[in-house]
Protein backbone atom coordinates (compact mmCIF):
# COMPACT_ATOMS: atom_id res chain seq x y z
CA MET A 1 0.00 0.00 0.00
CA ASN A 2 1.22 3.50 -0.86
CA SER A 3 1.23 5.25 2.53
CA SER A 4 1.87 8.64 0.92
CA ARG A 5 -1.39 8.46 -1.06
CA LYS A 6 -4.20 10.50 0.44
CA PRO A 7 -7.09 8.35 1.68
CA VAL A 8 -10.53 8.09 0.15
CA HIS A 9 -13.25 9.18 2.57
CA LEU A 10 -16.58 7.36 2.69
CA ALA A 11 -19.36 9.28 4.42
CA VAL A 12 -21.51 7.12 6.69
CA TYR A 13 -24.74 8.05 8.44
CA ASP A 14 -27.77 6.21 9.75
CA THR A 15 -29.63 4.33 6.98
CA PHE A 16 -26.76 4.66 4.47
CA ALA A 17 -27.12 2.18 1.60
CA ASP A 18 -24.07 0.00 2.19
CA TRP A 19 -24.35 -1.91 -1.12
CA GLU A 20 -24.14 1.21 -3.28
CA THR A 21 -20.45 1.87 -2.62
CA GLY A 22 -19.15 -1.66 -2.08
CA HIS A 23 -17.72 -2.22 -5.56
CA ALA A 24 -15.93 1.13 -5.44
CA THR A 25 -14.40 0.83 -1.99
CA ALA A 26 -13.41 -2.83 -2.43
CA TYR A 27 -11.49 -2.21 -5.64
CA LEU A 28 -10.00 1.05 -4.39
CA ALA A 29 -8.70 -0.83 -1.35
CA ARG A 30 -7.34 -3.65 -3.52
CA ALA A 31 -5.46 -1.02 -5.51
CA GLY A 32 -3.83 0.37 -2.37
CA HIS A 33 -6.13 3.24 -1.46
CA ARG A 34 -6.87 3.68 2.22
CA ILE A 35 -10.60 3.93 2.95
CA ARG A 36 -11.58 6.03 5.96
CA THR A 37 -15.15 6.51 7.14
CA VAL A 38 -16.41 9.94 8.16
CA GLY A 39 -19.62 10.71 10.03
CA VAL A 40 -21.39 13.86 11.12
CA THR A 41 -19.98 12.82 14.52
CA THR A 42 -17.96 9.78 15.56
CA ASP A 43 -21.03 8.13 17.10
CA PRO A 44 -21.80 4.70 15.61
CA VAL A 45 -24.28 4.60 12.72
CA THR A 46 -26.32 1.75 11.28
CA SER A 47 -26.64 1.07 7.57
CA LEU A 48 -29.79 -0.03 5.79
CA GLY A 49 -28.25 -3.50 5.72
CA GLY A 50 -27.96 -3.50 9.52
CA LEU A 51 -24.20 -2.96 9.71
CA CYS A 52 -23.00 -0.92 12.66
CA VAL A 53 -20.12 1.41 11.74
CA ARG A 54 -18.14 3.70 14.02
CA PRO A 55 -16.76 6.53 11.84
CA ASP A 56 -13.00 7.01 11.81
CA LEU A 57 -13.43 10.76 12.12
CA ALA A 58 -16.07 13.46 12.37
CA LEU A 59 -17.02 15.71 9.48
CA ASP A 60 -15.65 18.86 11.10
CA GLY A 61 -12.20 17.24 11.21
CA LEU A 62 -12.13 16.44 7.50
CA ARG A 63 -10.17 18.79 5.23
CA PRO A 64 -10.25 18.47 1.44
CA GLU A 65 -6.47 18.75 1.25
CA ASP A 66 -6.19 15.55 3.29
CA SER A 67 -8.37 13.50 0.94
CA SER A 68 -8.34 12.19 -2.61
CA LEU A 69 -12.12 11.70 -2.85
CA LEU A 70 -15.31 12.02 -0.82
CA ILE A 71 -17.95 9.33 -1.48
CA LEU A 72 -21.58 9.95 -0.48
CA PRO A 73 -23.94 6.95 -0.45
CA GLY A 74 -27.69 7.15 -0.54
CA ALA A 75 -29.72 6.93 2.66
CA ASP A 76 -33.30 7.22 3.86
CA LEU A 77 -32.21 10.39 5.64
CA TRP A 78 -31.60 12.10 2.29
CA THR A 79 -35.18 11.41 1.21
CA GLY A 80 -36.67 13.80 3.74
CA THR A 81 -34.27 16.59 2.85
CA SER A 82 -36.93 19.00 1.58
CA ALA A 83 -39.17 18.83 4.63
CA ALA A 84 -36.23 18.77 7.00
CA THR A 85 -34.64 21.79 5.36
CA ALA A 86 -37.91 23.72 5.63
CA ALA A 87 -37.87 22.95 9.34
CA GLY A 88 -34.24 23.97 9.61
CA GLY A 89 -33.19 20.58 10.89
CA ASP A 90 -31.66 18.56 8.05
CA VAL A 91 -29.20 16.24 9.73
CA LEU A 92 -27.26 15.64 6.51
CA ALA A 93 -26.99 19.29 5.44
CA PRO A 94 -23.43 19.43 6.87
CA VAL A 95 -22.48 16.54 4.56
CA ALA A 96 -23.68 18.44 1.49
CA ARG A 97 -21.83 21.55 2.68
CA LYS A 98 -18.66 19.49 3.04
CA ALA A 99 -19.12 18.32 -0.56
CA ARG A 100 -19.25 21.99 -1.61
CA GLU A 101 -16.01 22.60 0.28
CA PHE A 102 -14.36 19.66 -1.51
CA LEU A 103 -15.43 20.78 -4.96
CA ALA A 104 -14.34 24.35 -4.28
CA ALA A 105 -10.91 22.94 -3.39
CA ARG A 106 -10.90 20.85 -6.61
CA VAL A 107 -11.05 17.56 -4.68
CA PRO A 108 -13.57 15.18 -6.30
CA VAL A 109 -16.88 14.07 -4.84
CA ALA A 110 -18.94 11.00 -5.81
CA ALA A 111 -22.65 10.87 -4.92
CA ILE A 112 -25.15 8.11 -5.58
CA CYS A 113 -28.89 7.73 -5.12
CA GLY A 114 -30.35 10.04 -2.45
CA ALA A 115 -27.07 11.84 -1.97
CA THR A 116 -27.66 13.47 -5.36
CA ALA A 117 -30.76 15.13 -3.91
CA GLY A 118 -28.69 16.49 -1.06
CA LEU A 119 -26.25 17.99 -3.54
CA ALA A 120 -29.15 19.40 -5.56
CA HIS A 121 -30.42 21.19 -2.44
CA GLU A 122 -26.94 22.58 -1.92
CA GLY A 123 -26.92 23.96 -5.48
CA LEU A 124 -24.03 21.78 -6.59
CA LEU A 125 -25.90 20.34 -9.58
CA ASP A 126 -27.11 23.63 -11.00
CA ASP A 127 -24.12 24.07 -13.31
CA ARG A 128 -22.80 20.54 -13.77
CA ASP A 129 -23.98 17.64 -15.91
CA HIS A 130 -25.40 15.01 -13.57
CA THR A 131 -27.76 12.09 -13.18
CA SER A 132 -29.78 10.41 -10.43
CA ALA A 133 -32.63 7.94 -10.04
CA ILE A 134 -34.82 9.88 -12.51
CA SER A 135 -35.12 13.51 -13.50
CA PHE A 136 -38.31 14.31 -11.58
CA TYR A 137 -36.74 12.96 -8.37
CA LEU A 138 -34.29 15.84 -8.44
CA ALA A 139 -36.88 18.26 -9.83
CA ALA A 140 -38.83 17.77 -6.60
CA THR A 141 -35.98 19.44 -4.72
CA GLY A 142 -36.66 22.71 -6.53
CA TYR A 143 -33.11 22.92 -7.83
CA ARG A 144 -32.17 24.93 -10.92
CA GLY A 145 -30.11 22.31 -12.74
CA GLY A 146 -32.82 20.42 -14.60
CA GLU A 147 -31.40 21.30 -18.00
CA ARG A 148 -28.11 19.65 -17.02
CA TYR A 149 -29.74 16.32 -16.14
CA VAL A 150 -28.38 13.41 -18.23
CA ASP A 151 -30.27 10.14 -18.63
CA ALA A 152 -27.22 7.89 -18.11
CA ASP A 153 -26.03 5.22 -15.69
CA ALA A 154 -23.38 7.55 -14.22
CA VAL A 155 -22.01 10.98 -15.08
CA THR A 156 -18.74 12.75 -14.29
CA ASP A 157 -18.43 16.50 -14.69
CA ARG A 158 -15.70 18.75 -13.27
CA GLY A 159 -14.80 16.48 -10.39
CA LEU A 160 -18.34 15.43 -9.46
CA ILE A 161 -19.59 11.89 -10.08
CA THR A 162 -23.31 11.14 -9.84
CA ALA A 163 -25.28 7.92 -10.30
CA GLY A 164 -28.71 6.48 -9.63
CA PRO A 165 -29.52 3.80 -7.05
CA THR A 166 -29.51 0.92 -9.55
CA GLU A 167 -26.02 1.66 -10.85
CA PRO A 168 -23.41 0.85 -8.16
CA VAL A 169 -21.13 -0.78 -10.76
CA ALA A 170 -21.25 2.21 -13.12
CA PHE A 171 -20.69 4.45 -10.10
CA ALA A 172 -17.59 2.42 -9.21
CA ARG A 173 -16.42 2.52 -12.85
CA GLU A 174 -16.41 6.33 -12.78
CA ILE A 175 -14.54 6.38 -9.46
CA LEU A 176 -11.94 3.84 -10.53
CA GLY A 177 -11.38 5.72 -13.76
CA LEU A 178 -11.16 9.12 -12.07
CA LEU A 179 -8.52 7.92 -9.61
CA GLY A 180 -6.61 6.00 -12.27
CA VAL A 181 -7.11 2.54 -10.79
CA TYR A 182 -8.07 1.15 -14.20
CA GLU A 183 -8.05 2.83 -17.60
CA GLY A 184 -9.18 2.22 -21.16
CA GLU A 185 -9.77 -1.40 -22.14
CA VAL A 186 -9.16 -2.66 -18.60
CA LEU A 187 -11.70 -0.28 -17.08
CA ASP A 188 -14.23 -1.23 -19.73
CA ALA A 189 -13.59 -4.93 -19.10
CA TRP A 190 -14.02 -4.46 -15.35
CA TYR A 191 -17.40 -2.84 -15.96
CA ARG A 192 -18.51 -5.51 -18.42
CA LEU A 193 -17.55 -8.28 -16.02
CA PHE A 194 -19.37 -6.95 -13.00
CA HIS A 195 -22.30 -5.29 -14.77
CA ASP A 196 -22.91 -7.67 -17.67
CA SER A 197 -21.29 -10.93 -16.47
CA ASP A 198 -19.21 -10.89 -19.66
CA ALA A 199 -16.90 -13.91 -19.46
CA GLU A 200 -14.60 -12.51 -22.14
CA ALA A 201 -13.93 -9.49 -19.94
CA TYR A 202 -12.50 -11.74 -17.24
CA ALA A 203 -9.67 -12.82 -19.54
CA ILE A 204 -8.74 -9.19 -20.18
CA LEU A 205 -8.61 -8.46 -16.46
CA GLU A 206 -6.60 -11.61 -15.76
CA GLN A 207 -4.06 -10.70 -18.41
CA ALA A 208 -3.75 -7.19 -16.96
CA GLY A 209 -3.51 -8.51 -13.37
CA ALA A 210 -6.62 -6.51 -12.50
CA ARG A 211 -8.97 -9.16 -11.12
């Protein structure tokens, strides 16, 4: 493992969808990236899959310059963002604000599923190409980026990766490509193997030592 490489930070919060980021974090770790979890606080959280996770650090201790990427999974808590924001009590608003801080510092952010709604509320999708579960899901947030919505499995624009809830493999593909874990034919083969069960892709990965 390259100890000089900045870690990848995975945000965790109650009801986070643990399966949405598994392909990305597993293959980042296999490539030598350190994965550190970050919570709003360091109190334990429980995923939708029932996993209890104690964050490695709290959000207020995370600086963009100490990270190579911030990953935001979906969660039930994102779903109530509109009502919670109106009441002034959105528990995940600090996470979206941290994403703004990362992007302003030119450190990439990757958001999937409900996390895209949180970024829409924060105004981070107004001027970037993006995707999500479906266009009217984000339109319900009242954001101003509807014209930049792309009907695709995953989208990368100016350091921000977005994907819908049914596309964890495409989400991982964008992350692995952005951080240079796999490139070109190897990256495409990785995607085809895990998304399409393409047996021919396995041979390409085996030859490249990228299984």
